[in-house]
Amino acid sequence: MIRSYFGLQRQPFANDGLTLLPHQQEVLDVLRVHCQQGGLCVIAGEPGTGKSVIRSALQNFDPKRMSAPVIGRTLHTYTNTLRILCQAYGIDFDGRDCSCERRLIEEAFRLHRQGRMLALLIDDAHLMDVHCLRKLRLLLGEFPASHNLVLFSQTELVQTLRLTVNQDLNSRITYSVVLRRLTSDAVAQFILGQFDRCGLPHNTLDEDALALIARSSDGLLRAARNLSCACLIEAVRAQTRHVSLDLVNRALMQPHWRRPEPEIVAALAKEIVS
């Protein structure tokens, strides 16, 4: 609807071909180095800080030189995790876990002999059972050196791995970073950069509307994307090609954008304590 109304060739904020922000590009460059020499990396951050963008960029970086399967269903058991890996590499996953492990190791060495790197990407790794993660780490210990296990998670995983009982995992981490919220100016530059990608002129958003979107996004890229798209939809509904402050406020009236009243927060906290 937005694309056809504004006469665009591509959808605004499309995930394909994203240009990384400078701090995201720096993280990607470090991950590529660890894929060459082996590593266990943790990319942590609040939801919406850009972890998925980095994961997608690493997955599609160089398909001819790097094999980067993604395990997104992290609530699965270790057996199901092995099956997802086998499916990603086109390997038969029938039989016991040890048989699947052996075939995965053989495939890893076959890819290594071809000069390819391995990057195993686990999305929402904070949801994965630590015991499953530990067994996966032991499996990857049999892989050739040119592989990298990358955990994309919320910040709670960093605290979990720092517990004494998990020092065997924490001591093997070769790189970790916590993605922070962006400033309002950085969010505004991100929005305008996305407008450039799809061909929307910057004056589609007036100055006050852009400032309000950037401020209301709280430094989260996902929130900036969703709120910008909501404002563009409001512009389509209003049959205008200019997003004013009034249209942004109309989008912000949706319940999920409104902050709860202090009385409601206090009541919820009291209910949780009781």
C-alpha atoms as a PDB file:
ATOM      1  CA  MET A   1       0.000   0.000   0.000  1.00  0.00           C
ATOM      2  CA  ILE A   2       2.756   2.473   0.937  1.00  0.00           C
ATOM      3  CA  ARG A   3       4.875   1.573  -2.077  1.00  0.00           C
ATOM      4  CA  SER A   4       2.069   1.906  -4.602  1.00  0.00           C
ATOM      5  CA  TYR A   5       0.725   5.132  -3.089  1.00  0.00           C
ATOM      6  CA  PHE A   6       4.091   6.903  -3.037  1.00  0.00           C
ATOM      7  CA  GLY A   7       5.203   5.345  -6.346  1.00  0.00           C
ATOM      8  CA  LEU A   8       8.255   3.565  -4.911  1.00  0.00           C
ATOM      9  CA  GLN A   9      10.296   0.763  -6.465  1.00  0.00           C
ATOM     10  CA  ARG A  10      10.904  -0.931  -3.123  1.00  0.00           C
ATOM     11  CA  GLN A  11       9.211  -1.140   0.241  1.00  0.00           C
ATOM     12  CA  PRO A  12      10.410   1.369   2.859  1.00  0.00           C
ATOM     13  CA  PHE A  13      12.650  -0.212   5.520  1.00  0.00           C
ATOM     14  CA  ALA A  14      12.939  -3.465   3.539  1.00  0.00           C
ATOM     15  CA  ASN A  15      15.341  -5.976   5.089  1.00  0.00           C
ATOM     16  CA  ASP A  16      17.125  -6.849   1.856  1.00  0.00           C
ATOM     17  CA  GLY A  17      20.345  -5.028   1.096  1.00  0.00           C
ATOM     18  CA  LEU A  18      20.427  -2.998   4.302  1.00  0.00           C
ATOM     19  CA  THR A  19      23.334  -0.621   4.783  1.00  0.00           C
ATOM     20  CA  LEU A  20      24.802  -1.195   8.224  1.00  0.00           C
ATOM     21  CA  LEU A  21      25.302   1.656  10.635  1.00  0.00           C
ATOM     22  CA  PRO A  22      28.956   2.324  11.549  1.00  0.00           C
ATOM     23  CA  HIS A  23      28.821   0.463  14.880  1.00  0.00           C
ATOM     24  CA  GLN A  24      27.052  -2.481  13.204  1.00  0.00           C
ATOM     25  CA  GLN A  25      29.676  -2.621  10.459  1.00  0.00           C
ATOM     26  CA  GLU A  26      32.406  -2.709  13.104  1.00  0.00           C
ATOM     27  CA  VAL A  27      30.765  -5.702  14.803  1.00  0.00           C
ATOM     28  CA  LEU A  28      30.383  -7.478  11.447  1.00  0.00           C
ATOM     29  CA  ASP A  29      34.063  -6.948  10.614  1.00  0.00           C
ATOM     30  CA  VAL A  30      35.126  -8.462  13.947  1.00  0.00           C
ATOM     31  CA  LEU A  31      32.832 -11.473  13.478  1.00  0.00           C
ATOM     32  CA  ARG A  32      34.331 -12.141  10.046  1.00  0.00           C
ATOM     33  CA  VAL A  33      37.814 -12.291  11.583  1.00  0.00           C
ATOM     34  CA  HIS A  34      36.649 -14.776  14.213  1.00  0.00           C
ATOM     35  CA  CYS A  35      35.133 -16.922  11.451  1.00  0.00           C
ATOM     36  CA  GLN A  36      38.626 -17.297  10.001  1.00  0.00           C
ATOM     37  CA  GLN A  37      40.421 -18.223  13.207  1.00  0.00           C
ATOM     38  CA  GLY A  38      37.613 -19.794  15.254  1.00  0.00           C
ATOM     39  CA  GLY A  39      35.620 -18.301  18.061  1.00  0.00           C
ATOM     40  CA  LEU A  40      32.610 -18.159  20.356  1.00  0.00           C
ATOM     41  CA  CYS A  41      30.969 -14.737  20.075  1.00  0.00           C
ATOM     42  CA  VAL A  42      28.056 -13.146  21.933  1.00  0.00           C
ATOM     43  CA  ILE A  43      26.086 -10.265  20.385  1.00  0.00           C
ATOM     44  CA  ALA A  44      23.715  -9.015  23.072  1.00  0.00           C
ATOM     45  CA  GLY A  45      21.254  -6.154  23.299  1.00  0.00           C
ATOM     46  CA  GLU A  46      17.675  -5.168  23.956  1.00  0.00           C
ATOM     47  CA  PRO A  47      15.049  -6.129  21.384  1.00  0.00           C
ATOM     48  CA  GLY A  48      15.193  -3.701  18.494  1.00  0.00           C
ATOM     49  CA  THR A  49      18.820  -2.581  18.840  1.00  0.00           C
ATOM     50  CA  GLY A  50      19.882  -4.133  15.515  1.00  0.00           C
ATOM     51  CA  LYS A  51      21.049  -7.680  16.304  1.00  0.00           C
ATOM     52  CA  SER A  52      18.960  -9.215  13.528  1.00  0.00           C
ATOM     53  CA  VAL A  53      20.452  -6.808  10.976  1.00  0.00           C
ATOM     54  CA  ILE A  54      23.977  -7.917  11.872  1.00  0.00           C
ATOM     55  CA  ARG A  55      22.942 -11.566  11.795  1.00  0.00           C
ATOM     56  CA  SER A  56      21.403 -11.185   8.346  1.00  0.00           C
ATOM     57  CA  ALA A  57      24.481  -9.332   7.064  1.00  0.00           C
ATOM     58  CA  LEU A  58      26.793 -12.080   8.332  1.00  0.00           C
ATOM     59  CA  GLN A  59      24.572 -14.806   6.921  1.00  0.00           C
ATOM     60  CA  ASN A  60      24.585 -13.202   3.460  1.00  0.00           C
ATOM     61  CA  PHE A  61      28.125 -11.807   3.545  1.00  0.00           C
ATOM     62  CA  ASP A  62      29.783 -14.261   1.152  1.00  0.00           C
ATOM     63  CA  PRO A  63      27.725 -17.432   0.522  1.00  0.00           C
ATOM     64  CA  LYS A  64      30.466 -18.883  -1.707  1.00  0.00           C
ATOM     65  CA  ARG A  65      33.130 -18.715   1.046  1.00  0.00           C
ATOM     66  CA  MET A  66      31.051 -18.942   4.202  1.00  0.00           C
ATOM     67  CA  SER A  67      28.358 -21.360   5.313  1.00  0.00           C
ATOM     68  CA  ALA A  68      26.183 -19.651   7.934  1.00  0.00           C
ATOM     69  CA  PRO A  69      23.083 -21.615   8.989  1.00  0.00           C
ATOM     70  CA  VAL A  70      20.749 -19.930  11.476  1.00  0.00           C
ATOM     71  CA  ILE A  71      19.101 -21.725  14.384  1.00  0.00           C
ATOM     72  CA  GLY A  72      16.116 -19.583  15.308  1.00  0.00           C
ATOM     73  CA  ARG A  73      14.019 -22.122  17.139  1.00  0.00           C
ATOM     74  CA  THR A  74      16.158 -22.013  20.273  1.00  0.00           C
ATOM     75  CA  LEU A  75      13.564 -23.576  22.561  1.00  0.00           C
ATOM     76  CA  HIS A  76      14.285 -26.937  20.941  1.00  0.00           C
ATOM     77  CA  THR A  77      16.189 -29.726  22.620  1.00  0.00           C
ATOM     78  CA  TYR A  78      19.727 -30.645  21.610  1.00  0.00           C
ATOM     79  CA  THR A  79      18.409 -33.439  19.362  1.00  0.00           C
ATOM     80  CA  ASN A  80      16.179 -31.045  17.455  1.00  0.00           C
ATOM     81  CA  THR A  81      19.020 -28.541  17.249  1.00  0.00           C
ATOM     82  CA  LEU A  82      21.133 -31.231  15.581  1.00  0.00           C
ATOM     83  CA  ARG A  83      18.328 -31.927  13.144  1.00  0.00           C
ATOM     84  CA  ILE A  84      18.079 -28.253  12.201  1.00  0.00           C
ATOM     85  CA  LEU A  85      21.832 -28.226  11.561  1.00  0.00           C
ATOM     86  CA  CYS A  86      21.634 -31.387   9.471  1.00  0.00           C
ATOM     87  CA  GLN A  87      18.807 -29.906   7.412  1.00  0.00           C
ATOM     88  CA  ALA A  88      20.838 -26.734   6.864  1.00  0.00           C
ATOM     89  CA  TYR A  89      23.764 -28.775   5.518  1.00  0.00           C
ATOM     90  CA  GLY A  90      21.595 -31.234   3.574  1.00  0.00           C
ATOM     91  CA  ILE A  91      22.602 -34.176   5.779  1.00  0.00           C
ATOM     92  CA  ASP A  92      20.456 -37.150   6.730  1.00  0.00           C
ATOM     93  CA  PHE A  93      19.483 -36.718  10.387  1.00  0.00           C
ATOM     94  CA  ASP A  94      18.088 -40.192  11.038  1.00  0.00           C
ATOM     95  CA  GLY A  95      19.640 -42.188  13.858  1.00  0.00           C
ATOM     96  CA  ARG A  96      21.090 -41.355  17.249  1.00  0.00           C
ATOM     97  CA  ASP A  97      22.602 -38.027  18.214  1.00  0.00           C
ATOM     98  CA  CYS A  98      26.123 -39.438  17.944  1.00  0.00           C
ATOM     99  CA  SER A  99      25.478 -40.446  14.316  1.00  0.00           C
ATOM    100  CA  CYS A 100      24.227 -36.971  13.450  1.00  0.00           C
ATOM    101  CA  GLU A 101      27.230 -35.448  15.204  1.00  0.00           C
ATOM    102  CA  ARG A 102      29.630 -37.628  13.232  1.00  0.00           C
ATOM    103  CA  ARG A 103      28.038 -36.665   9.922  1.00  0.00           C
ATOM    104  CA  LEU A 104      28.124 -32.980  10.865  1.00  0.00           C
ATOM    105  CA  ILE A 105      31.825 -33.199  11.750  1.00  0.00           C
ATOM    106  CA  GLU A 106      32.569 -34.930   8.433  1.00  0.00           C
ATOM    107  CA  GLU A 107      30.651 -32.246   6.551  1.00  0.00           C
ATOM    108  CA  ALA A 108      32.493 -29.498   8.449  1.00  0.00           C
ATOM    109  CA  PHE A 109      35.872 -30.933   7.437  1.00  0.00           C
ATOM    110  CA  ARG A 110      34.685 -31.356   3.848  1.00  0.00           C
ATOM    111  CA  LEU A 111      33.752 -27.657   3.713  1.00  0.00           C
ATOM    112  CA  HIS A 112      37.048 -26.776   5.391  1.00  0.00           C
ATOM    113  CA  ARG A 113      38.993 -28.612   2.671  1.00  0.00           C
ATOM    114  CA  GLN A 114      37.123 -26.530   0.103  1.00  0.00           C
ATOM    115  CA  GLY A 115      38.361 -23.371   1.829  1.00  0.00           C
ATOM    116  CA  ARG A 116      34.969 -22.415   3.224  1.00  0.00           C
ATOM    117  CA  MET A 117      34.360 -20.920   6.653  1.00  0.00           C
ATOM    118  CA  LEU A 118      31.594 -21.983   9.044  1.00  0.00           C
ATOM    119  CA  ALA A 119      29.518 -19.570  11.095  1.00  0.00           C
ATOM    120  CA  LEU A 120      26.763 -21.125  13.216  1.00  0.00           C
ATOM    121  CA  LEU A 121      24.294 -18.370  14.147  1.00  0.00           C
ATOM    122  CA  ILE A 122      21.904 -18.899  17.050  1.00  0.00           C
ATOM    123  CA  ASP A 123      19.097 -16.361  17.312  1.00  0.00           C
ATOM    124  CA  ASP A 124      17.476 -15.588  20.692  1.00  0.00           C
ATOM    125  CA  ALA A 125      20.192 -17.658  22.371  1.00  0.00           C
ATOM    126  CA  HIS A 126      19.015 -16.527  25.823  1.00  0.00           C
ATOM    127  CA  LEU A 127      16.056 -18.885  25.350  1.00  0.00           C
ATOM    128  CA  MET A 128      18.279 -21.914  24.752  1.00  0.00           C
ATOM    129  CA  ASP A 129      18.894 -24.247  27.667  1.00  0.00           C
ATOM    130  CA  VAL A 130      22.471 -23.869  28.931  1.00  0.00           C
ATOM    131  CA  HIS A 131      22.926 -27.652  28.945  1.00  0.00           C
ATOM    132  CA  CYS A 132      22.021 -27.727  25.231  1.00  0.00           C
ATOM    133  CA  LEU A 133      24.418 -24.874  24.567  1.00  0.00           C
ATOM    134  CA  ARG A 134      27.173 -26.706  26.407  1.00  0.00           C
ATOM    135  CA  LYS A 135      26.687 -29.873  24.332  1.00  0.00           C
ATOM    136  CA  LEU A 136      26.704 -27.790  21.172  1.00  0.00           C
ATOM    137  CA  ARG A 137      29.980 -26.202  22.210  1.00  0.00           C
ATOM    138  CA  LEU A 138      31.504 -29.652  22.784  1.00  0.00           C
ATOM    139  CA  LEU A 139      30.361 -30.721  19.313  1.00  0.00           C
ATOM    140  CA  LEU A 140      31.939 -27.665  17.713  1.00  0.00           C
ATOM    141  CA  GLY A 141      35.160 -28.468  19.541  1.00  0.00           C
ATOM    142  CA  GLU A 142      35.552 -31.312  17.002  1.00  0.00           C
ATOM    143  CA  PHE A 143      35.075 -28.938  14.053  1.00  0.00           C
ATOM    144  CA  PRO A 144      38.041 -27.479  12.128  1.00  0.00           C
ATOM    145  CA  ALA A 145      39.483 -24.203  13.403  1.00  0.00           C
ATOM    146  CA  SER A 146      37.795 -21.989  10.802  1.00  0.00           C
ATOM    147  CA  HIS A 147      34.378 -21.891  12.433  1.00  0.00           C
ATOM    148  CA  ASN A 148      32.552 -19.420  14.647  1.00  0.00           C
ATOM    149  CA  LEU A 149      29.598 -19.923  16.975  1.00  0.00           C
ATOM    150  CA  VAL A 150      27.719 -16.624  17.260  1.00  0.00           C
ATOM    151  CA  LEU A 151      25.036 -16.186  19.921  1.00  0.00           C
ATOM    152  CA  PHE A 152      22.526 -13.392  19.334  1.00  0.00           C
ATOM    153  CA  SER A 153      20.701 -12.769  22.574  1.00  0.00           C
ATOM    154  CA  GLN A 154      19.287 -10.342  25.040  1.00  0.00           C
ATOM    155  CA  THR A 155      21.639  -9.061  27.735  1.00  0.00           C
ATOM    156  CA  GLU A 156      20.484 -11.641  30.288  1.00  0.00           C
ATOM    157  CA  LEU A 157      22.617 -14.302  28.561  1.00  0.00           C
ATOM    158  CA  VAL A 158      25.764 -12.331  29.400  1.00  0.00           C
ATOM    159  CA  GLN A 159      24.848 -12.474  33.089  1.00  0.00           C
ATOM    160  CA  THR A 160      23.939 -16.163  32.859  1.00  0.00           C
ATOM    161  CA  LEU A 161      27.294 -17.090  31.327  1.00  0.00           C
ATOM    162  CA  ARG A 162      29.139 -15.170  34.054  1.00  0.00           C
ATOM    163  CA  LEU A 163      27.758 -17.468  36.748  1.00  0.00           C
ATOM    164  CA  THR A 164      30.377 -19.720  38.302  1.00  0.00           C
ATOM    165  CA  VAL A 165      28.620 -22.860  37.108  1.00  0.00           C
ATOM    166  CA  ASN A 166      28.930 -21.636  33.504  1.00  0.00           C
ATOM    167  CA  GLN A 167      32.585 -20.607  33.562  1.00  0.00           C
ATOM    168  CA  ASP A 168      33.431 -23.417  31.146  1.00  0.00           C
ATOM    169  CA  LEU A 169      31.390 -21.530  28.532  1.00  0.00           C
ATOM    170  CA  ASN A 170      32.278 -17.997  29.579  1.00  0.00           C
ATOM    171  CA  SER A 171      36.011 -18.730  29.509  1.00  0.00           C
ATOM    172  CA  ARG A 172      35.761 -19.718  25.825  1.00  0.00           C
ATOM    173  CA  ILE A 173      34.115 -16.509  24.627  1.00  0.00           C
ATOM    174  CA  THR A 174      36.469 -14.807  22.191  1.00  0.00           C
ATOM    175  CA  TYR A 175      34.367 -11.695  21.500  1.00  0.00           C
ATOM    176  CA  SER A 176      31.277 -10.090  23.005  1.00  0.00           C
ATOM    177  CA  VAL A 177      29.473  -6.808  22.575  1.00  0.00           C
ATOM    178  CA  VAL A 178      26.298  -5.220  23.921  1.00  0.00           C
ATOM    179  CA  LEU A 179      24.422  -3.112  21.365  1.00  0.00           C
ATOM    180  CA  ARG A 180      23.216   0.095  23.003  1.00  0.00           C
ATOM    181  CA  ARG A 181      20.277   2.348  22.202  1.00  0.00           C
ATOM    182  CA  LEU A 182      20.999   5.117  19.721  1.00  0.00           C
ATOM    183  CA  THR A 183      20.700   8.856  20.227  1.00  0.00           C
ATOM    184  CA  SER A 184      17.741  10.676  18.712  1.00  0.00           C
ATOM    185  CA  ASP A 185      20.012  12.250  16.087  1.00  0.00           C
ATOM    186  CA  ALA A 186      21.340   8.825  15.078  1.00  0.00           C
ATOM    187  CA  VAL A 187      17.781   7.477  14.799  1.00  0.00           C
ATOM    188  CA  ALA A 188      16.791  10.422  12.611  1.00  0.00           C
ATOM    189  CA  GLN A 189      19.782   9.768  10.332  1.00  0.00           C
ATOM    190  CA  PHE A 190      18.779   6.097  10.152  1.00  0.00           C
ATOM    191  CA  ILE A 191      15.234   7.012   9.062  1.00  0.00           C
ATOM    192  CA  LEU A 192      16.442   9.438   6.404  1.00  0.00           C
ATOM    193  CA  GLY A 193      18.946   6.868   5.173  1.00  0.00           C
ATOM    194  CA  GLN A 194      16.136   4.359   4.742  1.00  0.00           C
ATOM    195  CA  PHE A 195      14.124   6.968   2.835  1.00  0.00           C
ATOM    196  CA  ASP A 196      17.080   7.367   0.462  1.00  0.00           C
ATOM    197  CA  ARG A 197      17.144   3.606  -0.159  1.00  0.00           C
ATOM    198  CA  CYS A 198      13.519   3.454  -1.283  1.00  0.00           C
ATOM    199  CA  GLY A 199      13.396   6.838  -3.029  1.00  0.00           C
ATOM    200  CA  LEU A 200      11.261   8.783  -0.560  1.00  0.00           C
ATOM    201  CA  PRO A 201      12.202  12.480  -0.363  1.00  0.00           C
ATOM    202  CA  HIS A 202      13.311  13.731   3.044  1.00  0.00           C
ATOM    203  CA  ASN A 203      10.543  16.343   3.110  1.00  0.00           C
ATOM    204  CA  THR A 204       7.978  13.531   3.321  1.00  0.00           C
ATOM    205  CA  LEU A 205       8.487  14.026   7.064  1.00  0.00           C
ATOM    206  CA  ASP A 206       8.498  17.601   8.278  1.00  0.00           C
ATOM    207  CA  GLU A 207      11.175  18.548  10.794  1.00  0.00           C
ATOM    208  CA  ASP A 208       8.955  18.345  13.875  1.00  0.00           C
ATOM    209  CA  ALA A 209       7.467  15.010  12.793  1.00  0.00           C
ATOM    210  CA  LEU A 210      10.929  13.490  12.279  1.00  0.00           C
ATOM    211  CA  ALA A 211      12.080  14.755  15.686  1.00  0.00           C
ATOM    212  CA  LEU A 212       9.018  13.270  17.407  1.00  0.00           C
ATOM    213  CA  ILE A 213       9.478   9.882  15.725  1.00  0.00           C
ATOM    214  CA  ALA A 214      13.158   9.799  16.690  1.00  0.00           C
ATOM    215  CA  ARG A 215      12.380  10.771  20.279  1.00  0.00           C
ATOM    216  CA  SER A 216       9.462   8.339  20.636  1.00  0.00           C
ATOM    217  CA  SER A 217      11.565   5.438  19.319  1.00  0.00           C
ATOM    218  CA  ASP A 218      13.679   5.486  22.507  1.00  0.00           C
ATOM    219  CA  GLY A 219      16.829   4.721  20.541  1.00  0.00           C
ATOM    220  CA  LEU A 220      15.507   1.420  19.135  1.00  0.00           C
ATOM    221  CA  LEU A 221      15.852   0.822  15.399  1.00  0.00           C
ATOM    222  CA  ARG A 222      12.877  -1.521  15.259  1.00  0.00           C
ATOM    223  CA  ALA A 223      10.660   1.028  16.983  1.00  0.00           C
ATOM    224  CA  ALA A 224      11.856   3.736  14.568  1.00  0.00           C
ATOM    225  CA  ARG A 225      11.024   1.503  11.610  1.00  0.00           C
ATOM    226  CA  ASN A 226       7.588   0.509  12.897  1.00  0.00           C
ATOM    227  CA  LEU A 227       6.602   4.039  13.896  1.00  0.00           C
ATOM    228  CA  SER A 228       7.789   5.493  10.579  1.00  0.00           C
ATOM    229  CA  CYS A 229       5.769   2.904   8.648  1.00  0.00           C
ATOM    230  CA  ALA A 230       2.735   3.606  10.856  1.00  0.00           C
ATOM    231  CA  CYS A 231       3.036   7.309  10.028  1.00  0.00           C
ATOM    232  CA  LEU A 232       3.303   6.576   6.303  1.00  0.00           C
ATOM    233  CA  ILE A 233       0.165   4.445   6.553  1.00  0.00           C
ATOM    234  CA  GLU A 234      -1.601   7.351   8.259  1.00  0.00           C
ATOM    235  CA  ALA A 235      -0.487   9.548   5.360  1.00  0.00           C
ATOM    236  CA  VAL A 236      -2.031   7.098   2.887  1.00  0.00           C
ATOM    237  CA  ARG A 237      -5.273   7.088   4.889  1.00  0.00           C
ATOM    238  CA  ALA A 238      -5.299  10.898   4.922  1.00  0.00           C
ATOM    239  CA  GLN A 239      -4.533  10.976   1.159  1.00  0.00           C
ATOM    240  CA  THR A 240      -1.474  13.182   1.621  1.00  0.00           C
ATOM    241  CA  ARG A 241       2.184  12.768   0.699  1.00  0.00           C
ATOM    242  CA  HIS A 242       3.398  14.803   3.646  1.00  0.00           C
ATOM    243  CA  VAL A 243       3.644  13.427   7.202  1.00  0.00           C
ATOM    244  CA  SER A 244       2.881  16.186   9.657  1.00  0.00           C
ATOM    245  CA  LEU A 245       3.109  16.275  13.425  1.00  0.00           C
ATOM    246  CA  ASP A 246      -0.613  15.560  13.598  1.00  0.00           C
ATOM    247  CA  LEU A 247      -0.206  12.260  11.727  1.00  0.00           C
ATOM    248  CA  VAL A 248       2.644  11.171  13.999  1.00  0.00           C
ATOM    249  CA  ASN A 249       0.505  11.922  17.054  1.00  0.00           C
ATOM    250  CA  ARG A 250      -2.325   9.939  15.490  1.00  0.00           C
ATOM    251  CA  ALA A 251       0.000   6.922  15.152  1.00  0.00           C
ATOM    252  CA  LEU A 252       1.249   7.392  18.714  1.00  0.00           C
ATOM    253  CA  MET A 253      -2.329   7.148  20.009  1.00  0.00           C
ATOM    254  CA  GLN A 254      -2.210   3.410  19.387  1.00  0.00           C
ATOM    255  CA  PRO A 255      -2.088   1.639  22.780  1.00  0.00           C
ATOM    256  CA  HIS A 256       1.247  -0.093  22.275  1.00  0.00           C
ATOM    257  CA  TRP A 257       2.980   3.290  21.812  1.00  0.00           C
ATOM    258  CA  ARG A 258       1.420   4.909  24.880  1.00  0.00           C
ATOM    259  CA  ARG A 259       3.253   4.713  28.183  1.00  0.00           C
ATOM    260  CA  PRO A 260       1.146   3.285  31.017  1.00  0.00           C
ATOM    261  CA  GLU A 261      -0.083   5.692  33.654  1.00  0.00           C
ATOM    262  CA  PRO A 262       1.892   5.695  36.961  1.00  0.00           C
ATOM    263  CA  GLU A 263      -1.161   4.374  38.803  1.00  0.00           C
ATOM    264  CA  ILE A 264      -1.345   1.368  36.457  1.00  0.00           C
ATOM    265  CA  VAL A 265       2.379   0.660  36.852  1.00  0.00           C
ATOM    266  CA  ALA A 266       2.067   0.794  40.654  1.00  0.00           C
ATOM    267  CA  ALA A 267      -0.934  -1.548  40.605  1.00  0.00           C
ATOM    268  CA  LEU A 268       0.877  -4.059  38.397  1.00  0.00           C
ATOM    269  CA  ALA A 269       3.956  -3.961  40.611  1.00  0.00           C
ATOM    270  CA  LYS A 270       1.817  -4.524  43.695  1.00  0.00           C
ATOM    271  CA  GLU A 271       0.108  -7.483  42.023  1.00  0.00           C
ATOM    272  CA  ILE A 272       3.451  -9.056  41.083  1.00  0.00           C
ATOM    273  CA  VAL A 273       4.800  -8.681  44.625  1.00  0.00           C
ATOM    274  CA  SER A 274       1.694 -10.202  46.163  1.00  0.00           C
END
